[in-house]
Amino acid sequence: MLISIERSIERAVRTIASILLVFEVVLLFAGVVSRYLLNRPLVWSDELASILFLWLAMLGASLAFQRGQHMRMTSITDAIGDRAQRLLECLAIVAPLLFLGLIIRHAYLFAEDESYITTPALRLSNSWRAAALPIGFALMFVFGVFRVLRLPDWRIALACVFLVLRRLSWHVLRSSR
């Protein structure tokens, strides 16, 4: 059931990202044609393109995280044993998951604050742009939880959570001095 839910979410995100990508390409092409061939620039096209680009980046980042395709140092993991490799793989999921859990609220508050600002050409609330951050982070968090649930050894998963929380608590205690 969890796999079905994850695949449905992934399919929806992939579909939305694909539609946005096609729209972005058409929009940018129309902007170039109107500016350089017709000498009548679409003043709003760059603004809308930047909003769409941020949404594409966040949706793409969530899909990359779901597939385990974010940047990482595979040369190190290839040189170590199988058990240590599984531990590092787990840490590569749990550490970003903790980070995402910490920043989602702040991203939401940022998007909320941006609602008072309007874009110059389109007169849209800037929260349309800023909402990409909490939504993208939330999608990454959900995909991360699904990845943790798919880990073959729950003991390694618990060890990773313990290591990350221990490191975080040490850092918090150290910075409070």
Foldseek 3Di string as FASTA:
>chain_A
DLVVVLVVVLVVLVVVLVVLVVVLVVLVVVQCCCCPVVVHGPVCSVVVSLLSVLLNVLSVVLNCLLVVNDDDDVVVLVPDDDVVSLLVSLLVLQLLLVVLVVCLVVLVVVLVVQQVDADDPPRHRCSSSSVSVNVSSVSSNSSSVSVLVPRPDVVSNVVSNVVNVVVVVVVVVVVVD
